[in-house]
Amino acid sequence: MMSLFFSDAYAQAATPDSQGGMDPLVLIAIFAVVFYFALIYPQSKRTKEHTKMLGALLKGDEVVTNGGVLGKIVDVGENFVRIEVADSTQVWIQKQAIASLMPKGTIKSL
């Protein structure tokens, strides 16, 4: 007689959304956004700034190479730059090998 008043109870399987976890696609999307802003965007920004700096090189600018050599630009070509590293000592280097542009007078202050 109990079945007249109460319906039979069946166990229901929990749905993935009701377990409290996040959807894997949402986790992947969050990871991709964090990865982009932590690694890709800063590197892209540095590359753009370096390319802009290389395009603006002029004769007389003082530069430091990736190898740490400080010199003054004597001649600027398409792909190469000639820098004077000491009196009567000039070397040709690739533009990409220039790490940074130094303020005028840096060589004299050393």
N, C-alpha and C. Protein backbone atom coordinates (compact mmCIF):
# COMPACT_ATOMS: atom_id res chain seq x y z
N MET A 1 0.79 -1.18 0.00
CA MET A 1 0.00 0.00 0.00
C MET A 1 0.85 1.27 0.00
N MET A 2 2.04 1.12 0.37
CA MET A 2 2.92 2.27 0.41
C MET A 2 3.12 2.87 -0.97
N SER A 3 3.09 2.07 -1.96
CA SER A 3 3.34 2.58 -3.29
C SER A 3 2.20 3.46 -3.79
N LEU A 4 1.05 3.42 -3.13
CA LEU A 4 -0.03 4.30 -3.54
C LEU A 4 0.21 5.74 -3.13
N PHE A 5 0.90 5.92 -2.02
CA PHE A 5 1.11 7.27 -1.52
C PHE A 5 2.46 7.88 -1.92
N PHE A 6 3.44 7.00 -2.12
CA PHE A 6 4.78 7.48 -2.43
C PHE A 6 5.24 6.92 -3.76
N SER A 7 5.84 7.74 -4.56
CA SER A 7 6.37 7.24 -5.81
C SER A 7 7.75 6.63 -5.56
N ASP A 8 8.13 5.72 -6.40
CA ASP A 8 9.43 5.08 -6.25
C ASP A 8 10.52 6.12 -6.52
N ALA A 9 11.58 6.12 -5.69
CA ALA A 9 12.69 7.06 -5.85
C ALA A 9 13.79 6.38 -6.63
N TYR A 10 14.30 7.04 -7.63
CA TYR A 10 15.40 6.53 -8.42
C TYR A 10 16.60 7.45 -8.25
N ALA A 11 17.76 6.85 -8.17
CA ALA A 11 18.98 7.66 -8.04
C ALA A 11 19.28 8.30 -9.39
N GLN A 12 19.57 9.55 -9.35
CA GLN A 12 19.90 10.25 -10.58
C GLN A 12 21.41 10.49 -10.62
N ALA A 13 21.97 10.31 -11.79
CA ALA A 13 23.40 10.58 -11.96
C ALA A 13 23.61 12.09 -11.94
N ALA A 14 24.68 12.51 -11.31
CA ALA A 14 24.98 13.94 -11.24
C ALA A 14 25.47 14.40 -12.61
N THR A 15 24.98 15.55 -13.02
CA THR A 15 25.43 16.11 -14.29
C THR A 15 26.77 16.79 -14.07
N PRO A 16 27.61 16.91 -15.11
CA PRO A 16 28.93 17.53 -14.94
C PRO A 16 28.87 18.96 -14.40
N ASP A 17 27.83 19.70 -14.76
CA ASP A 17 27.72 21.08 -14.30
C ASP A 17 27.38 21.16 -12.81
N SER A 18 26.73 20.15 -12.29
CA SER A 18 26.32 20.21 -10.90
C SER A 18 27.41 19.74 -9.95
N GLN A 19 28.56 19.32 -10.46
CA GLN A 19 29.64 18.84 -9.59
C GLN A 19 30.49 19.98 -9.06
N GLY A 20 30.32 21.17 -9.54
CA GLY A 20 31.06 22.30 -9.03
C GLY A 20 32.35 22.58 -9.79
N GLY A 21 32.72 21.74 -10.74
CA GLY A 21 33.94 21.95 -11.53
C GLY A 21 33.68 22.88 -12.70
N MET A 22 34.79 23.34 -13.30
CA MET A 22 34.65 24.21 -14.46
C MET A 22 34.71 23.37 -15.73
N ASP A 23 34.08 23.87 -16.73
CA ASP A 23 34.11 23.22 -18.03
C ASP A 23 35.54 23.25 -18.57
N PRO A 24 36.05 22.15 -19.11
CA PRO A 24 37.43 22.13 -19.61
C PRO A 24 37.71 23.19 -20.69
N LEU A 25 36.73 23.51 -21.49
CA LEU A 25 36.93 24.54 -22.52
C LEU A 25 37.15 25.92 -21.90
N VAL A 26 36.48 26.19 -20.79
CA VAL A 26 36.66 27.46 -20.11
C VAL A 26 38.07 27.52 -19.52
N LEU A 27 38.53 26.42 -18.94
CA LEU A 27 39.89 26.38 -18.39
C LEU A 27 40.93 26.59 -19.48
N ILE A 28 40.74 25.98 -20.63
CA ILE A 28 41.68 26.13 -21.75
C ILE A 28 41.67 27.58 -22.24
N ALA A 29 40.50 28.18 -22.32
CA ALA A 29 40.41 29.58 -22.77
C ALA A 29 41.11 30.51 -21.78
N ILE A 30 40.91 30.30 -20.49
CA ILE A 30 41.59 31.13 -19.49
C ILE A 30 43.09 30.95 -19.58
N PHE A 31 43.55 29.72 -19.73
CA PHE A 31 44.98 29.44 -19.87
C PHE A 31 45.56 30.14 -21.10
N ALA A 32 44.83 30.09 -22.21
CA ALA A 32 45.31 30.73 -23.45
C ALA A 32 45.44 32.24 -23.27
N VAL A 33 44.49 32.86 -22.62
CA VAL A 33 44.54 34.31 -22.41
C VAL A 33 45.71 34.67 -21.50
N VAL A 34 45.89 33.93 -20.42
CA VAL A 34 47.00 34.19 -19.50
C VAL A 34 48.33 33.97 -20.21
N PHE A 35 48.45 32.91 -20.99
CA PHE A 35 49.66 32.60 -21.74
C PHE A 35 49.99 33.73 -22.71
N TYR A 36 48.97 34.25 -23.40
CA TYR A 36 49.18 35.33 -24.37
C TYR A 36 49.71 36.58 -23.67
N PHE A 37 49.05 37.01 -22.60
CA PHE A 37 49.45 38.24 -21.94
C PHE A 37 50.72 38.10 -21.12
N ALA A 38 51.08 36.90 -20.72
CA ALA A 38 52.30 36.70 -19.93
C ALA A 38 53.53 36.50 -20.79
N LEU A 39 53.39 35.88 -21.96
CA LEU A 39 54.55 35.54 -22.77
C LEU A 39 54.57 36.16 -24.16
N ILE A 40 53.52 36.00 -24.90
CA ILE A 40 53.53 36.40 -26.31
C ILE A 40 53.47 37.91 -26.48
N TYR A 41 52.57 38.59 -25.79
CA TYR A 41 52.41 40.04 -25.96
C TYR A 41 53.67 40.81 -25.57
N PRO A 42 54.29 40.56 -24.41
CA PRO A 42 55.51 41.31 -24.07
C PRO A 42 56.65 41.09 -25.07
N GLN A 43 56.81 39.87 -25.54
CA GLN A 43 57.87 39.59 -26.52
C GLN A 43 57.59 40.31 -27.83
N SER A 44 56.36 40.33 -28.26
CA SER A 44 55.99 41.03 -29.49
C SER A 44 56.25 42.53 -29.35
N LYS A 45 55.95 43.09 -28.19
CA LYS A 45 56.17 44.51 -27.95
C LYS A 45 57.66 44.84 -27.98
N ARG A 46 58.49 43.99 -27.35
CA ARG A 46 59.94 44.22 -27.37
C ARG A 46 60.50 44.13 -28.78
N THR A 47 60.00 43.18 -29.57
CA THR A 47 60.46 43.02 -30.95
C THR A 47 60.13 44.26 -31.77
N LYS A 48 58.93 44.80 -31.61
CA LYS A 48 58.53 46.01 -32.35
C LYS A 48 59.41 47.20 -31.96
N GLU A 49 59.68 47.35 -30.66
CA GLU A 49 60.52 48.46 -30.20
C GLU A 49 61.94 48.33 -30.73
N HIS A 50 62.48 47.10 -30.76
CA HIS A 50 63.84 46.87 -31.25
C HIS A 50 63.92 47.16 -32.75
N THR A 51 62.93 46.72 -33.50
CA THR A 51 62.90 46.98 -34.94
C THR A 51 62.81 48.48 -35.21
N LYS A 52 62.01 49.19 -34.43
CA LYS A 52 61.89 50.64 -34.59
C LYS A 52 63.22 51.32 -34.28
N MET A 53 63.90 50.86 -33.24
CA MET A 53 65.20 51.43 -32.87
C MET A 53 66.23 51.19 -33.97
N LEU A 54 66.24 50.00 -34.56
CA LEU A 54 67.19 49.70 -35.63
C LEU A 54 66.93 50.55 -36.87
N GLY A 55 65.68 50.83 -37.15
CA GLY A 55 65.34 51.66 -38.31
C GLY A 55 65.74 53.11 -38.13
N ALA A 56 65.90 53.56 -36.89
CA ALA A 56 66.21 54.96 -36.62
C ALA A 56 67.70 55.20 -36.36
N LEU A 57 68.55 54.20 -36.59
CA LEU A 57 69.99 54.37 -36.35
C LEU A 57 70.58 55.39 -37.33
N LEU A 58 71.43 56.26 -36.80
CA LEU A 58 72.07 57.29 -37.61
C LEU A 58 73.56 57.30 -37.33
N LYS A 59 74.30 57.88 -38.26
CA LYS A 59 75.74 58.05 -38.09
C LYS A 59 75.97 58.93 -36.85
N GLY A 60 76.90 58.51 -35.99
CA GLY A 60 77.21 59.25 -34.78
C GLY A 60 76.53 58.72 -33.54
N ASP A 61 75.53 57.84 -33.70
CA ASP A 61 74.88 57.25 -32.53
C ASP A 61 75.84 56.30 -31.82
N GLU A 62 75.72 56.24 -30.52
CA GLU A 62 76.54 55.32 -29.72
C GLU A 62 75.67 54.12 -29.35
N VAL A 63 76.20 52.93 -29.59
CA VAL A 63 75.42 51.71 -29.42
C VAL A 63 76.22 50.66 -28.64
N VAL A 64 75.49 49.70 -28.11
CA VAL A 64 76.08 48.52 -27.48
C VAL A 64 75.57 47.31 -28.25
N THR A 65 76.49 46.40 -28.59
CA THR A 65 76.11 45.20 -29.33
C THR A 65 75.67 44.12 -28.35
N ASN A 66 75.12 43.03 -28.89
CA ASN A 66 74.72 41.90 -28.06
C ASN A 66 75.91 41.29 -27.34
N GLY A 67 77.10 41.44 -27.89
CA GLY A 67 78.31 40.94 -27.26
C GLY A 67 78.88 41.86 -26.21
N GLY A 68 78.29 43.04 -26.03
CA GLY A 68 78.73 43.97 -25.01
C GLY A 68 79.75 44.98 -25.49
N VAL A 69 79.95 45.08 -26.80
CA VAL A 69 80.93 46.02 -27.35
C VAL A 69 80.25 47.38 -27.50
N LEU A 70 80.90 48.41 -26.96
CA LEU A 70 80.39 49.78 -27.06
C LEU A 70 81.12 50.47 -28.21
N GLY A 71 80.37 51.14 -29.07
CA GLY A 71 80.99 51.83 -30.19
C GLY A 71 80.12 52.93 -30.74
N LYS A 72 80.73 53.69 -31.65
CA LYS A 72 80.05 54.81 -32.30
C LYS A 72 79.82 54.45 -33.76
N ILE A 73 78.63 54.68 -34.26
CA ILE A 73 78.29 54.34 -35.64
C ILE A 73 79.01 55.28 -36.60
N VAL A 74 79.70 54.66 -37.57
CA VAL A 74 80.41 55.41 -38.59
C VAL A 74 79.65 55.37 -39.91
N ASP A 75 79.02 54.23 -40.18
CA ASP A 75 78.30 54.07 -41.45
C ASP A 75 77.13 53.13 -41.22
N VAL A 76 75.99 53.45 -41.84
CA VAL A 76 74.79 52.62 -41.72
C VAL A 76 74.43 52.10 -43.10
N GLY A 77 74.36 50.77 -43.24
CA GLY A 77 73.95 50.16 -44.49
C GLY A 77 72.58 49.53 -44.36
N GLU A 78 72.20 48.75 -45.36
CA GLU A 78 70.90 48.08 -45.36
C GLU A 78 70.82 47.05 -44.23
N ASN A 79 71.81 46.18 -44.15
CA ASN A 79 71.81 45.10 -43.16
C ASN A 79 72.96 45.19 -42.17
N PHE A 80 73.98 45.97 -42.49
CA PHE A 80 75.16 46.05 -41.65
C PHE A 80 75.41 47.48 -41.19
N VAL A 81 76.10 47.59 -40.06
CA VAL A 81 76.48 48.89 -39.51
C VAL A 81 77.97 48.81 -39.19
N ARG A 82 78.70 49.87 -39.53
CA ARG A 82 80.12 49.93 -39.19
C ARG A 82 80.25 50.81 -37.96
N ILE A 83 80.85 50.24 -36.91
CA ILE A 83 81.04 51.01 -35.69
C ILE A 83 82.52 51.14 -35.36
N GLU A 84 82.85 52.27 -34.76
CA GLU A 84 84.22 52.50 -34.33
C GLU A 84 84.29 52.15 -32.85
N VAL A 85 85.12 51.14 -32.53
CA VAL A 85 85.21 50.68 -31.15
C VAL A 85 86.42 51.26 -30.43
N ALA A 86 87.39 51.77 -31.18
CA ALA A 86 88.57 52.44 -30.62
C ALA A 86 89.11 53.36 -31.71
N ASP A 87 90.09 54.17 -31.39
CA ASP A 87 90.68 55.05 -32.40
C ASP A 87 91.20 54.20 -33.56
N SER A 88 90.78 54.50 -34.77
CA SER A 88 91.16 53.81 -36.00
C SER A 88 90.83 52.32 -36.01
N THR A 89 89.88 51.88 -35.20
CA THR A 89 89.46 50.48 -35.21
C THR A 89 87.95 50.44 -35.45
N GLN A 90 87.61 49.94 -36.64
CA GLN A 90 86.20 49.86 -37.01
C GLN A 90 85.85 48.42 -37.34
N VAL A 91 84.62 48.05 -36.99
CA VAL A 91 84.13 46.70 -37.29
C VAL A 91 82.75 46.81 -37.92
N TRP A 92 82.46 45.84 -38.78
CA TRP A 92 81.14 45.73 -39.39
C TRP A 92 80.34 44.72 -38.58
N ILE A 93 79.13 45.08 -38.22
CA ILE A 93 78.25 44.14 -37.52
C ILE A 93 76.87 44.19 -38.16
N GLN A 94 76.11 43.14 -37.96
CA GLN A 94 74.74 43.13 -38.45
C GLN A 94 73.90 44.06 -37.58
N LYS A 95 72.92 44.67 -38.20
CA LYS A 95 72.04 45.57 -37.44
C LYS A 95 71.35 44.83 -36.30
N GLN A 96 70.97 43.60 -36.53
CA GLN A 96 70.28 42.82 -35.51
C GLN A 96 71.14 42.57 -34.28
N ALA A 97 72.47 42.72 -34.42
CA ALA A 97 73.37 42.49 -33.30
C ALA A 97 73.47 43.68 -32.37
N ILE A 98 72.79 44.77 -32.69
CA ILE A 98 72.80 45.95 -31.82
C ILE A 98 71.73 45.75 -30.76
N ALA A 99 72.17 45.79 -29.50
CA ALA A 99 71.25 45.55 -28.39
C ALA A 99 70.54 46.83 -27.95
N SER A 100 71.29 47.91 -27.84
CA SER A 100 70.64 49.14 -27.36
C SER A 100 71.38 50.38 -27.84
N LEU A 101 70.66 51.46 -27.81
CA LEU A 101 71.18 52.77 -28.18
C LEU A 101 71.54 53.49 -26.88
N MET A 102 72.74 54.03 -26.82
CA MET A 102 73.22 54.69 -25.60
C MET A 102 73.07 56.21 -25.75
N PRO A 103 73.01 56.92 -24.63
CA PRO A 103 72.95 58.40 -24.71
C PRO A 103 74.26 58.96 -25.26
N LYS A 104 74.17 60.08 -25.94
CA LYS A 104 75.35 60.73 -26.49
C LYS A 104 76.32 61.07 -25.36
N GLY A 105 77.61 60.86 -25.63
CA GLY A 105 78.64 61.16 -24.64
C GLY A 105 78.99 60.01 -23.72
N THR A 106 78.38 58.86 -23.94
CA THR A 106 78.65 57.70 -23.09
C THR A 106 80.10 57.24 -23.24
N ILE A 107 80.60 57.25 -24.47
CA ILE A 107 81.98 56.78 -24.72
C ILE A 107 82.98 57.73 -24.06
N LYS A 108 82.75 59.01 -24.15
CA LYS A 108 83.67 59.98 -23.54
C LYS A 108 83.67 59.89 -22.02
N SER A 109 82.53 59.52 -21.43
CA SER A 109 82.45 59.45 -19.97
C SER A 109 83.18 58.24 -19.40
N LEU A 110 83.53 57.30 -20.25
CA LEU A 110 84.24 56.11 -19.77
C LEU A 110 85.67 56.41 -19.77
